């Protein structure tokens, strides 16, 4: 009943529009555009129902026909919702194979059926397409049933071919900015540092240059996000790859893009949270909720960084060392990825049939770049350190979180007596 009322209302509205001259002039009656039968064929191939085709013809083309007349026209055009004969299964299989090599590899059988009927003009049953796709790609079928997206398999040729650089800001509300770099092949952590800011290009450049100074070589490609903090990396990496002769030499050795495309390091940030950073997030939230830490007070922020920076860095060093020495299991879904210990895959790539793509660097050039472009990270400002030396001379910065908490409470009690 409601459907009939809706159709009558739509027909009435369409009639009013036609009377007012709102109907498009591109109609069969005006001698322009497709004919009535061509329009019917187009709408039928789009999958519209009988009543929908009638309403489209009336509302948009000023063509008034009945459903009974529409069915006669469709029979004359040999178009039926339920065809009397179907295309061969062999033709359907061949076209499904072609579609699955391109974007059709990630769609379901319903959309595949539409492609075969609309784009290729085949008459096939949905159940047949479902069985064909299940037979040709059973794994993809299970992934779709589980509502999991089939992601691109990330592969790298060997260690030092591609380093991923990124910042981690989950602790930024408390004044701690983590920055890291991971080797794309071995998944070895090249550096994992915490500072008061990730926005200073000189600090980020210092991380990179210290790593080159330690290993005495640079990667073939450095991948970073589009941000001002990576501005110095964008010319330091090509500088150390200037005399290289491979296809990714000089300016091509630095790649920047969206953070979502920086796959390896972005995925590892989730692992970092499971390895211990989640505890630190809750720890600082507890301090804030207890009233000891007010985010609007810059002096208390300086005190928090002064007390906890070394403790957090000590924990990050331990996390990186344990990760680099742990064993990565072989994954059946991603057999192309090497498995083993990150440090073993990095230093001995022959174990996993890899090849080292490092580029030797001159230590003197690295030291000169550190002087020109690098800057040491600081837990807090020099002014706050001077204040601490005055109110608590000879204080030792702890490396354990609970010892740092006791120091923070002591300094916080003293600072409350001053008007900042």
Protein backbone atom coordinates (compact mmCIF):
# COMPACT_ATOMS: atom_id res chain seq x y z
CA UNK A 1 0.00 0.00 0.00
CA UNK A 2 2.78 2.42 0.95
CA UNK A 3 4.69 1.53 -2.22
CA UNK A 4 1.63 2.27 -4.39
CA UNK A 5 1.12 5.64 -2.68
CA UNK A 6 4.82 6.49 -3.22
CA UNK A 7 4.58 5.63 -6.94
CA UNK A 8 1.41 7.73 -7.34
CA UNK A 9 3.11 10.65 -5.57
CA UNK A 10 6.20 10.33 -7.76
CA UNK A 11 4.07 10.18 -10.91
CA UNK A 12 2.16 13.27 -9.76
CA UNK A 13 5.40 15.16 -9.05
CA UNK A 14 6.82 14.12 -12.40
CA UNK A 15 3.66 15.29 -14.16
CA UNK A 16 3.92 18.70 -12.52
CA UNK A 17 7.57 18.98 -13.57
CA UNK A 18 6.70 18.05 -17.11
CA UNK A 19 3.93 20.69 -17.22
CA UNK A 20 6.32 23.34 -15.88
CA UNK A 21 8.88 22.52 -18.58
CA UNK A 22 11.55 21.08 -16.32
CA UNK A 23 11.87 17.89 -18.35
CA UNK A 24 15.22 17.71 -20.21
CA UNK A 25 15.06 18.63 -23.87
CA UNK A 26 17.26 15.68 -24.84
CA UNK A 27 14.35 13.32 -25.51
CA UNK A 28 13.44 11.04 -28.42
CA UNK A 29 10.60 13.38 -29.26
CA UNK A 30 12.95 16.32 -29.80
CA UNK A 31 15.02 14.39 -32.30
CA UNK A 32 18.13 14.45 -30.13
CA UNK A 33 19.89 11.74 -28.13
CA UNK A 34 19.11 8.03 -28.00
CA UNK A 35 15.80 6.56 -29.09
CA UNK A 36 13.21 5.12 -26.76
CA UNK A 37 14.32 1.54 -27.33
CA UNK A 38 17.95 2.50 -26.80
CA UNK A 39 17.06 4.15 -23.50
CA UNK A 40 15.12 1.07 -22.43
CA UNK A 41 18.09 -1.13 -23.26
CA UNK A 42 20.49 1.14 -21.33
CA UNK A 43 18.30 1.17 -18.23
CA UNK A 44 17.69 -2.56 -18.43
CA UNK A 45 21.42 -3.29 -18.64
CA UNK A 46 21.89 -1.07 -15.58
CA UNK A 47 19.76 -3.57 -13.67
CA UNK A 48 16.68 -1.40 -13.13
CA UNK A 49 13.32 -3.04 -12.48
CA UNK A 50 10.27 -2.63 -14.75
CA UNK A 51 8.60 0.11 -12.70
CA UNK A 52 11.91 1.93 -12.27
CA UNK A 53 12.47 1.97 -16.03
CA UNK A 54 8.94 3.31 -16.59
CA UNK A 55 9.49 6.12 -14.07
CA UNK A 56 12.91 7.03 -15.45
CA UNK A 57 11.47 7.26 -18.96
CA UNK A 58 8.61 9.44 -17.77
CA UNK A 59 10.52 11.72 -15.38
CA UNK A 60 13.67 12.33 -17.40
CA UNK A 61 12.67 11.76 -21.02
CA UNK A 62 8.94 12.57 -21.09
CA UNK A 63 8.17 9.10 -22.46
CA UNK A 64 5.01 7.58 -21.03
CA UNK A 65 4.55 3.83 -21.41
CA UNK A 66 2.99 1.12 -19.27
CA UNK A 67 4.79 -1.79 -17.65
CA UNK A 68 2.96 -4.17 -20.00
CA UNK A 69 4.14 -2.21 -23.03
CA UNK A 70 7.68 -2.15 -21.61
CA UNK A 71 7.70 -5.94 -21.36
CA UNK A 72 6.64 -6.24 -25.01
CA UNK A 73 9.49 -3.92 -26.03
CA UNK A 74 11.99 -5.92 -23.98
CA UNK A 75 10.85 -9.16 -25.60
CA UNK A 76 11.30 -7.64 -29.03
CA UNK A 77 14.83 -6.60 -28.04
CA UNK A 78 15.50 -10.12 -26.71
CA UNK A 79 16.06 -8.72 -23.22
CA UNK A 80 14.69 -10.67 -20.27
CA UNK A 81 15.37 -10.57 -16.56
CA UNK A 82 15.55 -14.33 -16.60
CA UNK A 83 17.14 -15.32 -19.89
CA UNK A 84 16.08 -18.54 -21.61
CA UNK A 85 19.69 -19.45 -22.42
CA UNK A 86 22.98 -18.78 -20.63
CA UNK A 87 26.52 -18.23 -21.81
CA UNK A 88 28.98 -21.08 -21.57
CA UNK A 89 30.80 -21.63 -18.32
CA UNK A 90 34.10 -21.71 -20.21
CA UNK A 91 33.60 -18.12 -21.42
CA UNK A 92 32.65 -17.02 -17.91
CA UNK A 93 35.78 -18.61 -16.42
CA UNK A 94 38.07 -16.92 -18.94
CA UNK A 95 36.59 -13.48 -18.31
CA UNK A 96 36.67 -13.95 -14.52
CA UNK A 97 40.37 -14.84 -14.80
CA UNK A 98 41.01 -11.66 -16.78
CA UNK A 99 39.10 -9.51 -14.29
CA UNK A 100 40.87 -11.05 -11.29
CA UNK A 101 44.25 -10.03 -12.70
CA UNK A 102 43.25 -6.38 -12.30
CA UNK A 103 40.85 -4.60 -9.91
CA UNK A 104 38.44 -7.52 -10.06
CA UNK A 105 40.74 -9.43 -7.75
CA UNK A 106 39.32 -7.64 -4.70
CA UNK A 107 35.58 -7.64 -5.46
CA UNK A 108 32.88 -10.13 -4.54
CA UNK A 109 30.87 -12.41 -6.77
CA UNK A 110 27.96 -9.94 -6.92
CA UNK A 111 30.07 -7.18 -8.42
CA UNK A 112 31.83 -9.71 -10.63
CA UNK A 113 28.46 -10.86 -11.94
CA UNK A 114 27.63 -7.23 -12.81
CA UNK A 115 30.88 -6.87 -14.72
CA UNK A 116 30.22 -10.00 -16.74
CA UNK A 117 26.64 -9.08 -17.57
CA UNK A 118 27.08 -5.34 -18.10
CA UNK A 119 30.63 -4.97 -19.44
CA UNK A 120 30.97 -8.28 -21.28
CA UNK A 121 27.35 -9.00 -22.20
CA UNK A 122 27.25 -12.51 -20.78
CA UNK A 123 24.19 -14.24 -19.38
CA UNK A 124 25.35 -16.12 -16.30
CA UNK A 125 23.93 -17.11 -12.95
CA UNK A 126 25.20 -15.53 -9.74
CA UNK A 127 25.68 -18.96 -8.20
CA UNK A 128 27.94 -19.98 -11.06
CA UNK A 129 30.12 -16.88 -10.60
CA UNK A 130 30.33 -17.60 -6.88
CA UNK A 131 31.55 -21.15 -7.52
CA UNK A 132 34.02 -20.00 -10.19
CA UNK A 133 35.59 -17.38 -7.90
CA UNK A 134 35.70 -19.79 -4.98
CA UNK A 135 37.56 -22.30 -7.14
CA UNK A 136 39.99 -19.81 -8.71
CA UNK A 137 40.83 -17.88 -5.54
CA UNK A 138 39.72 -19.66 -2.35
CA UNK A 139 41.98 -17.55 -0.09
CA UNK A 140 40.52 -14.25 -1.37
CA UNK A 141 37.02 -15.65 -0.92
CA UNK A 142 37.73 -16.46 2.73
CA UNK A 143 39.22 -13.00 3.24
CA UNK A 144 36.05 -11.37 1.92
CA UNK A 145 33.84 -13.59 4.06
CA UNK A 146 35.85 -12.51 7.11
CA UNK A 147 35.52 -8.85 5.98
CA UNK A 148 39.28 -8.45 5.80
CA UNK A 149 40.90 -6.22 3.22
CA UNK A 150 43.49 -7.91 1.03
CA UNK A 151 46.50 -5.68 1.48
CA UNK A 152 49.48 -5.24 -0.78
CA UNK A 153 52.40 -7.50 0.11
CA UNK A 154 55.39 -5.37 1.10
CA UNK A 155 58.70 -6.65 -0.25
CA UNK A 156 62.25 -5.24 -0.15
CA UNK A 157 65.28 -6.63 -1.95
CA UNK A 158 67.67 -6.63 1.02
CA UNK A 159 68.94 -4.76 4.09
CA UNK A 160 69.78 -1.08 3.72
CA UNK A 161 67.75 -0.86 0.54
CA UNK A 162 64.97 1.14 2.21
CA UNK A 163 64.86 2.81 5.61
CA UNK A 164 61.54 4.10 6.97
CA UNK A 165 61.59 7.21 9.18
CA UNK A 166 58.67 8.56 11.20
CA UNK A 167 57.62 10.18 14.47
CA UNK A 168 55.32 8.77 17.15
CA UNK A 169 53.15 11.33 18.93
CA UNK A 170 51.05 9.30 21.37
CA UNK A 171 53.09 10.73 24.26
CA UNK A 172 53.24 14.23 22.78
CA UNK A 173 50.46 15.58 25.07
CA UNK A 174 52.83 14.91 27.99
CA UNK A 175 55.85 16.52 26.30
CA UNK A 176 57.58 13.42 24.89
CA UNK A 177 58.03 12.92 21.13
CA UNK A 178 59.40 9.57 19.94
CA UNK A 179 61.22 9.23 16.63
CA UNK A 180 62.31 6.01 14.97
CA UNK A 181 63.73 4.38 11.87
CA UNK A 182 63.34 0.77 10.72
CA UNK A 183 65.03 -1.20 7.96
CA UNK A 184 62.41 -2.40 5.50
CA UNK A 185 63.95 -5.81 4.82
CA UNK A 186 65.15 -7.06 8.19
CA UNK A 187 62.76 -4.95 10.33
CA UNK A 188 65.75 -3.93 12.44
CA UNK A 189 65.32 -0.73 14.46
CA UNK A 190 68.03 1.68 13.36
CA UNK A 191 67.22 4.27 16.03
CA UNK A 192 64.48 4.87 18.58
CA UNK A 193 64.83 8.20 20.34
CA UNK A 194 62.69 10.45 22.50
CA UNK A 195 62.99 14.23 22.71
CA UNK A 196 60.88 17.23 23.61
CA UNK A 197 59.99 17.82 19.95
CA UNK A 198 59.90 16.06 16.59
CA UNK A 199 59.38 19.31 14.67
CA UNK A 200 62.99 20.48 14.77
CA UNK A 201 64.76 19.41 11.53
CA UNK A 202 68.16 19.68 13.23
CA UNK A 203 67.24 17.09 15.89
CA UNK A 204 65.86 14.66 13.30
CA UNK A 205 68.97 15.17 11.17
CA UNK A 206 71.13 14.38 14.20
CA UNK A 207 69.38 11.01 14.62
CA UNK A 208 70.13 10.17 11.00
CA UNK A 209 73.74 11.38 11.06
CA UNK A 210 74.53 9.58 14.33
CA UNK A 211 73.24 6.36 12.76
CA UNK A 212 75.47 6.88 9.69
CA UNK A 213 78.41 7.63 11.95
CA UNK A 214 77.82 4.40 13.90
CA UNK A 215 77.37 2.07 10.92
CA UNK A 216 79.62 4.00 8.48
CA UNK A 217 77.19 3.64 5.57
CA UNK A 218 73.90 5.05 4.30
CA UNK A 219 70.84 3.26 2.91
CA UNK A 220 70.03 3.23 -0.77
CA UNK A 221 66.64 4.88 -0.15
CA UNK A 222 65.31 6.87 2.80
CA UNK A 223 61.52 7.11 3.14
CA UNK A 224 59.94 9.89 5.23
CA UNK A 225 56.69 11.83 5.52
CA UNK A 226 55.87 15.22 4.03
CA UNK A 227 56.87 17.46 6.90
CA UNK A 228 59.23 20.30 7.73
CA UNK A 229 60.99 18.09 10.28
CA UNK A 230 62.37 16.02 7.39
CA UNK A 231 63.59 18.99 5.35
CA UNK A 232 67.25 18.38 6.19
CA UNK A 233 66.98 14.67 5.53
CA UNK A 234 65.76 15.51 2.02
CA UNK A 235 69.18 16.89 1.07
CA UNK A 236 71.47 14.96 3.45
CA UNK A 237 70.47 11.55 2.06
CA UNK A 238 71.07 12.59 -1.62
CA UNK A 239 74.33 14.21 -0.49
CA UNK A 240 75.75 10.89 0.73
CA UNK A 241 74.41 9.14 -2.38
CA UNK A 242 75.65 11.78 -4.82
CA UNK A 243 78.45 9.70 -6.37
CA UNK A 244 76.44 6.47 -6.60
CA UNK A 245 75.77 5.02 -10.03
CA UNK A 246 72.64 2.92 -9.42
CA UNK A 247 69.14 3.84 -10.55
CA UNK A 248 68.23 5.37 -7.15
CA UNK A 249 71.26 7.65 -6.86
CA UNK A 250 71.31 11.26 -5.71
CA UNK A 251 67.89 12.94 -5.49
CA UNK A 252 66.02 9.67 -6.10
CA UNK A 253 67.41 8.22 -2.88
CA UNK A 254 64.96 10.25 -0.76
CA UNK A 255 61.24 9.54 -0.99
CA UNK A 256 58.55 11.53 0.78
CA UNK A 257 54.81 11.02 0.88
CA UNK A 258 51.78 10.56 3.08
CA UNK A 259 52.30 8.89 6.44
CA UNK A 260 49.79 6.17 5.51
CA UNK A 261 52.12 5.06 2.71
CA UNK A 262 55.10 4.77 5.08
CA UNK A 263 53.97 1.21 5.71
CA UNK A 264 56.76 -0.49 7.62
CA UNK A 265 57.30 2.08 10.37
CA UNK A 266 53.58 2.88 10.69
CA UNK A 267 52.85 -0.81 11.27
CA UNK A 268 55.65 -1.05 13.83
CA UNK A 269 54.20 1.77 15.93
CA UNK A 270 51.35 -0.58 16.81
CA UNK A 271 53.92 -3.15 17.91
CA UNK A 272 55.73 -0.51 19.98
CA UNK A 273 52.57 0.17 21.94
CA UNK A 274 52.29 -3.52 22.79
CA UNK A 275 55.97 -3.68 23.77
CA UNK A 276 55.62 -1.15 26.59
CA UNK A 277 54.58 2.31 25.42
CA UNK A 278 50.98 1.60 26.37
CA UNK A 279 52.13 1.35 30.00
CA UNK A 280 53.81 4.76 29.74
CA UNK A 281 50.66 6.31 28.26
CA UNK A 282 48.57 5.06 31.18
CA UNK A 283 51.32 6.04 33.62
CA UNK A 284 51.33 9.68 32.51
CA UNK A 285 47.53 9.74 32.39
CA UNK A 286 47.46 8.60 36.02
CA UNK A 287 49.86 11.41 36.95
CA UNK A 288 47.67 13.91 35.14
CA UNK A 289 44.43 12.62 36.67
CA UNK A 290 45.93 12.72 40.17
CA UNK A 291 46.40 16.47 39.82
CA UNK A 292 50.21 16.44 39.76
CA UNK A 293 50.47 17.43 36.14
CA UNK A 294 48.64 20.33 34.50
CA UNK A 295 49.16 20.40 30.78
CA UNK A 296 48.66 24.19 30.63
CA UNK A 297 51.60 24.85 32.96
CA UNK A 298 54.86 25.05 30.93
CA UNK A 299 57.04 24.87 34.04
CA UNK A 300 55.47 21.59 35.14
CA UNK A 301 55.93 20.28 31.58
CA UNK A 302 59.63 21.10 31.81
CA UNK A 303 59.78 19.33 35.18
CA UNK A 304 58.08 16.26 33.76
CA UNK A 305 60.55 16.02 30.88
CA UNK A 306 63.49 16.67 33.19
CA UNK A 307 62.52 13.78 35.48
CA UNK A 308 61.26 11.17 33.01
CA UNK A 309 63.18 11.68 29.75
CA UNK A 310 66.12 9.44 30.69
CA UNK A 311 63.86 6.76 32.13
CA UNK A 312 61.76 6.67 28.97
CA UNK A 313 64.86 6.61 26.74
CA UNK A 314 66.29 3.72 28.77
CA UNK A 315 63.08 1.77 28.25
CA UNK A 316 63.08 2.56 24.51
CA UNK A 317 66.67 1.32 24.21
CA UNK A 318 65.68 -1.93 25.88
CA UNK A 319 62.64 -2.31 23.61
CA UNK A 320 64.76 -1.77 20.49
CA UNK A 321 67.45 -4.24 21.63
CA UNK A 322 64.91 -6.92 22.49
CA UNK A 323 63.09 -6.42 19.20
CA UNK A 324 66.26 -6.64 17.13
CA UNK A 325 67.22 -9.93 18.79
CA UNK A 326 63.80 -11.59 18.79
CA UNK A 327 62.73 -14.11 16.15
CA UNK A 328 60.13 -13.19 13.50
CA UNK A 329 58.15 -16.26 12.54
CA UNK A 330 57.46 -17.24 8.94
CA UNK A 331 53.99 -16.22 7.80
CA UNK A 332 52.17 -18.45 5.34
CA UNK A 333 50.14 -15.56 3.97
CA UNK A 334 53.27 -13.51 3.26
CA UNK A 335 55.85 -16.09 2.29
CA UNK A 336 57.79 -13.46 0.32
CA UNK A 337 58.88 -11.76 3.55
CA UNK A 338 62.04 -13.11 5.21
CA UNK A 339 61.82 -14.63 8.66
CA UNK A 340 64.38 -14.79 11.44
CA UNK A 341 66.01 -12.37 13.86
CA UNK A 342 66.18 -8.76 12.63
CA UNK A 343 69.83 -8.30 13.57
CA UNK A 344 70.80 -11.59 11.88
CA UNK A 345 68.86 -10.72 8.71
CA UNK A 346 70.44 -7.28 8.73
CA UNK A 347 74.09 -8.15 9.30
CA UNK A 348 74.07 -11.54 7.55
CA UNK A 349 71.54 -11.19 4.70
CA UNK A 350 72.94 -14.33 3.03
CA UNK A 351 70.96 -16.35 5.58
CA UNK A 352 67.73 -15.23 3.92
CA UNK A 353 69.01 -14.95 0.33
CA UNK A 354 69.26 -11.18 0.61
CA UNK A 355 71.80 -8.66 -0.61
CA UNK A 356 73.19 -5.69 1.32
CA UNK A 357 72.54 -2.38 -0.49
CA UNK A 358 74.56 -0.14 1.83
CA UNK A 359 76.53 2.85 0.54
CA UNK A 360 79.82 3.61 2.25
CA UNK A 361 80.17 7.13 3.65
CA UNK A 362 83.17 9.20 4.63
CA UNK A 363 83.25 9.64 8.46
CA UNK A 364 84.74 13.12 8.06
CA UNK A 365 81.80 14.17 5.89
CA UNK A 366 79.39 12.82 8.48
CA UNK A 367 81.11 14.71 11.31
CA UNK A 368 81.05 17.91 9.28
CA UNK A 369 77.33 17.52 8.58
CA UNK A 370 76.70 16.93 12.28
CA UNK A 371 78.38 20.23 13.09
CA UNK A 372 76.51 22.10 10.35
CA UNK A 373 73.06 20.55 10.38
CA UNK A 374 72.67 18.52 13.57
CA UNK A 375 71.58 19.50 17.05
CA UNK A 376 71.65 17.55 20.28
CA UNK A 377 68.28 16.79 21.79
CA UNK A 378 67.56 18.23 25.23
CA UNK A 379 65.19 16.97 27.86
CA UNK A 380 64.34 20.50 28.95
CA UNK A 381 65.57 24.05 28.62
CA UNK A 382 68.84 25.26 30.09
CA UNK A 383 66.94 27.77 32.22
CA UNK A 384 64.98 25.03 33.94
CA UNK A 385 68.16 23.04 34.59
CA UNK A 386 69.60 26.11 36.28
CA UNK A 387 66.49 26.40 38.44
CA UNK A 388 66.80 22.74 39.49
CA UNK A 389 70.47 23.23 40.39
CA UNK A 390 69.44 26.10 42.63
CA UNK A 391 66.51 24.46 44.42
CA UNK A 392 68.03 20.94 44.56
CA UNK A 393 71.81 21.00 44.02
CA UNK A 394 73.58 17.84 42.87
CA UNK A 395 70.37 16.07 41.79
CA UNK A 396 70.80 12.85 39.82
CA UNK A 397 68.34 12.13 37.04
CA UNK A 398 66.93 8.61 37.57
CA UNK A 399 66.43 5.97 34.89
CA UNK A 400 63.64 4.08 36.65
CA UNK A 401 60.08 5.39 36.27
CA UNK A 402 59.13 5.20 39.95
CA UNK A 403 62.35 6.90 41.05
CA UNK A 404 61.63 9.57 38.45
CA UNK A 405 58.13 9.90 39.88
CA UNK A 406 59.51 10.51 43.38
CA UNK A 407 61.84 13.18 42.03
CA UNK A 408 58.99 14.77 40.10
CA UNK A 409 56.83 14.96 43.24
CA UNK A 410 59.71 16.51 45.23
CA UNK A 411 60.44 19.14 42.57
CA UNK A 412 56.74 19.78 42.04
CA UNK A 413 56.24 20.48 45.78
CA UNK A 414 59.15 22.93 45.76
CA UNK A 415 57.99 24.67 42.57
CA UNK A 416 54.51 25.17 43.98
CA UNK A 417 56.02 27.64 46.43
CA UNK A 418 57.06 29.89 43.56
CA UNK A 419 54.77 31.94 41.38
CA UNK A 420 55.49 30.93 37.77
